[in-house]
């Protein structure tokens, strides 16, 4: 509760508005997308300016109460006139999690030093950054093209916010599949038994389901979007695929491990 009180507005935005109700040219430039990106990238190399404590708080609540995380995005819109994060601390902590868990994956799969480094580069720059940029751009286009209410055409989904939603949804998936799963891979999941692919595929079901749900929460939090419930529709094919995988004995984790080993050859 104290943390949320800290996020409430402490200054008025009206101080930057001229007498005619229009932002000055300097303040208008400050709120352009280019200026916001520049400010974000500049802070990426200034660790002392990052609020890692708050980023860690967000990571915790993405598991226990993700709605509270998106409540903070509302506070940011009120105080800083943008939905997207302006502090890269969350991205930095996520990168650290990704590196540590990928090294753990290399250890569990008995990879050598250079193979693990190669896997780390693949996972960070392709799986996280590359796929993340692709998904964020796709969701940004779809939401602005089809989900904005007709009476709210003056509003649009920020690309940075779409990327933040992806990062929020990706973090629980990362922890489940790249950390929790590590403790079960060799002795349970990869044993070629029904229990093995039941445990492994269930972890995949929870992880991907969490990704879908947190993504839905992110876009449903925007008051100018409509029909965001369609973002929950992927649950149907996901559950169907889960049932088929158990019936056919398809072990998702075994496929992932084989793919990782193929990558580093």
Protein backbone atom coordinates (compact mmCIF):
# COMPACT_ATOMS: atom_id res chain seq x y z
CA UNK A 1 0.00 0.00 0.00
CA UNK A 2 2.82 2.40 0.84
CA UNK A 3 4.42 1.56 -2.45
CA UNK A 4 1.27 2.44 -4.31
CA UNK A 5 0.96 5.71 -2.39
CA UNK A 6 4.44 6.58 -3.59
CA UNK A 7 3.23 6.26 -7.17
CA UNK A 8 0.39 8.78 -6.79
CA UNK A 9 0.85 12.18 -8.44
CA UNK A 10 3.00 14.56 -6.44
CA UNK A 11 3.05 17.43 -8.94
CA UNK A 12 0.48 18.85 -11.29
CA UNK A 13 0.78 18.57 -15.03
CA UNK A 14 -0.97 21.89 -15.39
CA UNK A 15 2.28 23.67 -14.56
CA UNK A 16 3.52 22.86 -18.07
CA UNK A 17 0.35 24.17 -19.76
CA UNK A 18 0.16 27.71 -21.07
CA UNK A 19 -2.74 30.04 -20.38
CA UNK A 20 -4.58 28.93 -23.53
CA UNK A 21 -4.46 25.31 -22.40
CA UNK A 22 -1.82 24.26 -24.95
CA UNK A 23 1.54 22.76 -24.09
CA UNK A 24 4.55 24.92 -24.86
CA UNK A 25 6.72 23.82 -27.78
CA UNK A 26 9.38 22.53 -25.39
CA UNK A 27 6.87 20.48 -23.38
CA UNK A 28 5.22 19.19 -26.55
CA UNK A 29 8.57 18.00 -27.87
CA UNK A 30 9.24 16.31 -24.56
CA UNK A 31 6.13 14.19 -25.04
CA UNK A 32 6.90 13.01 -28.58
CA UNK A 33 7.65 9.33 -29.13
CA UNK A 34 11.20 10.09 -30.23
CA UNK A 35 11.93 12.09 -27.10
CA UNK A 36 10.52 9.33 -24.92
CA UNK A 37 12.68 6.68 -26.64
CA UNK A 38 15.77 8.84 -26.28
CA UNK A 39 15.11 9.37 -22.58
CA UNK A 40 14.55 5.64 -22.06
CA UNK A 41 17.71 4.60 -23.91
CA UNK A 42 19.76 7.25 -22.12
CA UNK A 43 18.65 5.91 -18.72
CA UNK A 44 19.53 2.38 -19.83
CA UNK A 45 23.19 3.16 -19.08
CA UNK A 46 22.59 5.07 -15.83
CA UNK A 47 22.02 2.42 -13.21
CA UNK A 48 21.89 4.91 -10.34
CA UNK A 49 18.78 6.44 -11.85
CA UNK A 50 16.94 3.12 -12.05
CA UNK A 51 14.47 1.99 -9.42
CA UNK A 52 15.39 -1.69 -9.12
CA UNK A 53 13.37 -2.08 -5.92
CA UNK A 54 10.19 -1.07 -7.71
CA UNK A 55 11.03 -3.28 -10.71
CA UNK A 56 11.47 -6.24 -8.35
CA UNK A 57 8.11 -5.38 -6.77
CA UNK A 58 6.52 -5.55 -10.23
CA UNK A 59 8.10 -8.94 -10.92
CA UNK A 60 6.69 -10.31 -7.68
CA UNK A 61 3.19 -9.03 -8.35
CA UNK A 62 3.21 -10.36 -11.93
CA UNK A 63 2.84 -13.75 -10.23
CA UNK A 64 0.58 -12.88 -7.32
CA UNK A 65 -1.55 -9.98 -8.58
CA UNK A 66 -0.72 -8.76 -12.12
CA UNK A 67 -3.66 -6.33 -12.03
CA UNK A 68 -1.74 -4.24 -9.49
CA UNK A 69 1.16 -3.93 -11.93
CA UNK A 70 -1.10 -2.47 -14.61
CA UNK A 71 -2.63 -0.13 -12.03
CA UNK A 72 0.79 1.47 -11.86
CA UNK A 73 0.66 2.11 -15.62
CA UNK A 74 -2.45 4.21 -14.97
CA UNK A 75 -0.53 6.25 -12.39
CA UNK A 76 2.26 6.79 -14.90
CA UNK A 77 -0.21 8.04 -17.50
CA UNK A 78 -1.60 10.52 -14.98
CA UNK A 79 1.79 11.83 -13.84
CA UNK A 80 4.00 11.53 -16.92
CA UNK A 81 1.50 11.41 -19.78
CA UNK A 82 2.64 8.04 -21.12
CA UNK A 83 1.56 4.46 -20.64
CA UNK A 84 4.93 2.84 -21.33
CA UNK A 85 7.70 2.53 -18.73
CA UNK A 86 10.23 5.32 -18.64
CA UNK A 87 12.57 3.36 -16.33
CA UNK A 88 14.51 0.46 -17.93
CA UNK A 89 15.12 -1.23 -14.55
CA UNK A 90 12.56 -3.95 -15.31
CA UNK A 91 14.27 -4.74 -18.62
CA UNK A 92 17.68 -4.91 -16.92
CA UNK A 93 16.44 -7.31 -14.21
CA UNK A 94 14.67 -9.42 -16.84
CA UNK A 95 17.92 -9.64 -18.82
CA UNK A 96 19.77 -10.80 -15.72
CA UNK A 97 17.11 -13.45 -15.07
CA UNK A 98 17.37 -14.56 -18.69
CA UNK A 99 21.16 -14.87 -18.58
CA UNK A 100 21.25 -16.77 -15.28
CA UNK A 101 18.46 -19.17 -16.26
CA UNK A 102 20.00 -19.84 -19.69
CA UNK A 103 23.36 -20.64 -18.09
CA UNK A 104 21.45 -23.01 -15.80
CA UNK A 105 19.85 -24.60 -18.85
CA UNK A 106 23.28 -25.10 -20.42
CA UNK A 107 24.51 -26.73 -17.21
CA UNK A 108 21.52 -29.09 -17.00
CA UNK A 109 21.92 -30.06 -20.66
CA UNK A 110 25.65 -30.70 -20.07
CA UNK A 111 26.82 -28.07 -22.56
CA UNK A 112 30.35 -26.78 -22.69
CA UNK A 113 31.37 -23.20 -21.97
CA UNK A 114 31.30 -21.96 -25.57
CA UNK A 115 28.09 -23.84 -26.31
CA UNK A 116 26.43 -22.18 -23.32
CA UNK A 117 27.62 -18.73 -24.45
CA UNK A 118 26.27 -19.40 -27.93
CA UNK A 119 22.95 -20.54 -26.47
CA UNK A 120 22.85 -17.40 -24.31
CA UNK A 121 23.31 -15.15 -27.34
CA UNK A 122 20.55 -16.99 -29.21
CA UNK A 123 18.10 -16.77 -26.32
CA UNK A 124 18.78 -13.11 -25.50
CA UNK A 125 18.93 -11.59 -28.98
CA UNK A 126 16.57 -13.89 -30.91
CA UNK A 127 14.09 -15.42 -28.47
CA UNK A 128 13.72 -12.43 -26.17
CA UNK A 129 14.59 -9.28 -28.13
CA UNK A 130 13.84 -10.39 -31.70
CA UNK A 131 10.62 -12.27 -31.01
CA UNK A 132 9.62 -9.62 -28.47
CA UNK A 133 9.96 -6.83 -31.05
CA UNK A 134 7.95 -8.87 -33.54
CA UNK A 135 5.13 -9.67 -31.09
CA UNK A 136 5.01 -6.11 -29.74
CA UNK A 137 4.80 -4.67 -33.26
CA UNK A 138 2.09 -7.15 -34.26
CA UNK A 139 0.01 -6.44 -31.15
CA UNK A 140 0.55 -2.69 -31.54
CA UNK A 141 -0.77 -2.86 -35.10
CA UNK A 142 -3.74 -5.11 -34.27
CA UNK A 143 -4.82 -3.13 -31.22
CA UNK A 144 -4.65 0.24 -33.00
CA UNK A 145 -6.27 -1.12 -36.16
CA UNK A 146 -9.11 -3.19 -34.71
CA UNK A 147 -9.51 -2.64 -30.95
CA UNK A 148 -9.68 1.15 -30.50
CA UNK A 149 -13.21 2.35 -29.76
CA UNK A 150 -14.76 4.46 -32.50
CA UNK A 151 -15.30 7.39 -30.16
CA UNK A 152 -11.66 7.14 -29.00
CA UNK A 153 -9.90 7.48 -32.35
CA UNK A 154 -7.79 10.30 -30.97
CA UNK A 155 -6.06 7.75 -28.72
CA UNK A 156 -3.64 5.06 -29.74
CA UNK A 157 -1.64 2.26 -28.13
CA UNK A 158 1.97 3.27 -27.67
CA UNK A 159 4.46 0.85 -29.20
CA UNK A 160 6.51 1.08 -26.01
CA UNK A 161 3.47 -0.01 -24.00
CA UNK A 162 2.95 -2.99 -26.32
CA UNK A 163 6.57 -3.97 -25.69
CA UNK A 164 6.10 -3.55 -21.93
CA UNK A 165 3.06 -5.83 -22.04
CA UNK A 166 5.16 -8.46 -23.80
CA UNK A 167 7.92 -8.16 -21.19
CA UNK A 168 5.37 -8.43 -18.38
CA UNK A 169 3.91 -11.58 -19.91
CA UNK A 170 7.31 -13.03 -20.82
CA UNK A 171 8.71 -12.84 -17.29
CA UNK A 172 6.43 -15.48 -15.66
CA UNK A 173 6.91 -17.72 -18.71
CA UNK A 174 10.67 -17.35 -18.35
CA UNK A 175 10.65 -18.22 -14.64
CA UNK A 176 8.44 -21.28 -15.15
CA UNK A 177 10.17 -22.75 -18.21
CA UNK A 178 13.73 -21.55 -17.69
CA UNK A 179 14.02 -21.82 -13.93
CA UNK A 180 11.40 -23.96 -12.17
CA UNK A 181 11.50 -26.55 -14.94
CA UNK A 182 15.26 -27.00 -14.55
CA UNK A 183 14.75 -28.87 -11.28
CA UNK A 184 12.65 -31.54 -13.01
CA UNK A 185 14.25 -31.94 -16.44
CA UNK A 186 16.77 -34.74 -15.99
CA UNK A 187 15.06 -36.81 -13.31
CA UNK A 188 11.39 -36.39 -14.26
CA UNK A 189 10.56 -34.66 -17.54
CA UNK A 190 13.09 -36.33 -19.87
CA UNK A 191 12.52 -39.87 -18.55
CA UNK A 192 10.29 -40.88 -21.53
CA UNK A 193 7.40 -41.76 -19.23
CA UNK A 194 3.84 -40.50 -19.02
CA UNK A 195 4.64 -38.73 -15.75
CA UNK A 196 7.57 -37.05 -17.49
CA UNK A 197 5.66 -35.39 -20.29
CA UNK A 198 2.65 -34.82 -18.03
CA UNK A 199 4.79 -32.69 -15.70
CA UNK A 200 6.69 -31.00 -18.52
CA UNK A 201 3.66 -30.22 -20.68
CA UNK A 202 1.69 -29.01 -17.67
CA UNK A 203 4.45 -26.50 -16.95
CA UNK A 204 4.20 -25.36 -20.56
CA UNK A 205 0.41 -25.06 -20.23
CA UNK A 206 0.75 -22.89 -17.12
CA UNK A 207 3.55 -20.76 -18.61
CA UNK A 208 1.90 -20.06 -21.96
CA UNK A 209 -1.48 -19.63 -20.26
CA UNK A 210 0.08 -17.04 -17.97
CA UNK A 211 1.52 -15.25 -21.00
CA UNK A 212 -1.92 -15.06 -22.61
CA UNK A 213 -3.60 -13.88 -19.41
CA UNK A 214 -1.06 -11.17 -18.56
CA UNK A 215 -1.21 -9.94 -22.18
CA UNK A 216 -4.99 -9.74 -21.93
CA UNK A 217 -4.74 -7.76 -18.68
CA UNK A 218 -2.32 -5.33 -20.31
CA UNK A 219 -4.62 -4.39 -23.18
CA UNK A 220 -7.84 -4.55 -21.17
CA UNK A 221 -6.30 -1.96 -18.80
CA UNK A 222 -6.45 0.63 -21.59
CA UNK A 223 -9.85 2.37 -21.32
CA UNK A 224 -10.02 3.27 -25.02
CA UNK A 225 -9.84 -0.33 -26.28
CA UNK A 226 -12.80 -2.62 -26.93
CA UNK A 227 -13.35 -6.37 -27.28
CA UNK A 228 -10.06 -7.19 -25.57
CA UNK A 229 -11.62 -10.48 -24.43
CA UNK A 230 -10.63 -11.90 -27.83
CA UNK A 231 -7.07 -11.96 -26.52
CA UNK A 232 -8.18 -14.85 -24.30
CA UNK A 233 -9.32 -16.94 -27.26
CA UNK A 234 -5.89 -18.63 -27.69
CA UNK A 235 -6.69 -20.53 -24.48
CA UNK A 236 -8.94 -22.85 -26.52
CA UNK A 237 -6.26 -24.11 -28.97
CA UNK A 238 -3.72 -24.16 -26.13
CA UNK A 239 -5.84 -26.56 -24.04
CA UNK A 240 -6.60 -28.63 -27.14
CA UNK A 241 -2.88 -28.88 -27.98
CA UNK A 242 -2.14 -29.85 -24.38
CA UNK A 243 -4.66 -32.69 -24.51
CA UNK A 244 -3.34 -33.93 -27.87
CA UNK A 245 0.25 -33.84 -26.62
CA UNK A 246 -0.63 -36.11 -23.70
CA UNK A 247 -2.55 -38.48 -25.95
CA UNK A 248 0.28 -38.66 -28.50
CA UNK A 249 3.15 -38.69 -25.99
CA UNK A 250 4.64 -35.46 -27.34
CA UNK A 251 7.07 -34.00 -24.80
CA UNK A 252 7.36 -30.23 -25.35
CA UNK A 253 10.43 -29.91 -23.14
CA UNK A 254 12.23 -32.72 -24.98
CA UNK A 255 11.59 -30.84 -28.23
CA UNK A 256 12.92 -27.61 -26.70
CA UNK A 257 16.09 -29.29 -25.41
CA UNK A 258 16.72 -30.91 -28.81
CA UNK A 259 16.24 -27.53 -30.47
CA UNK A 260 18.66 -25.84 -28.06
CA UNK A 261 21.29 -28.51 -28.72
CA UNK A 262 20.80 -28.14 -32.47
CA UNK A 263 21.32 -24.39 -32.20
CA UNK A 264 24.73 -24.62 -30.59
CA UNK A 265 26.22 -27.23 -32.92
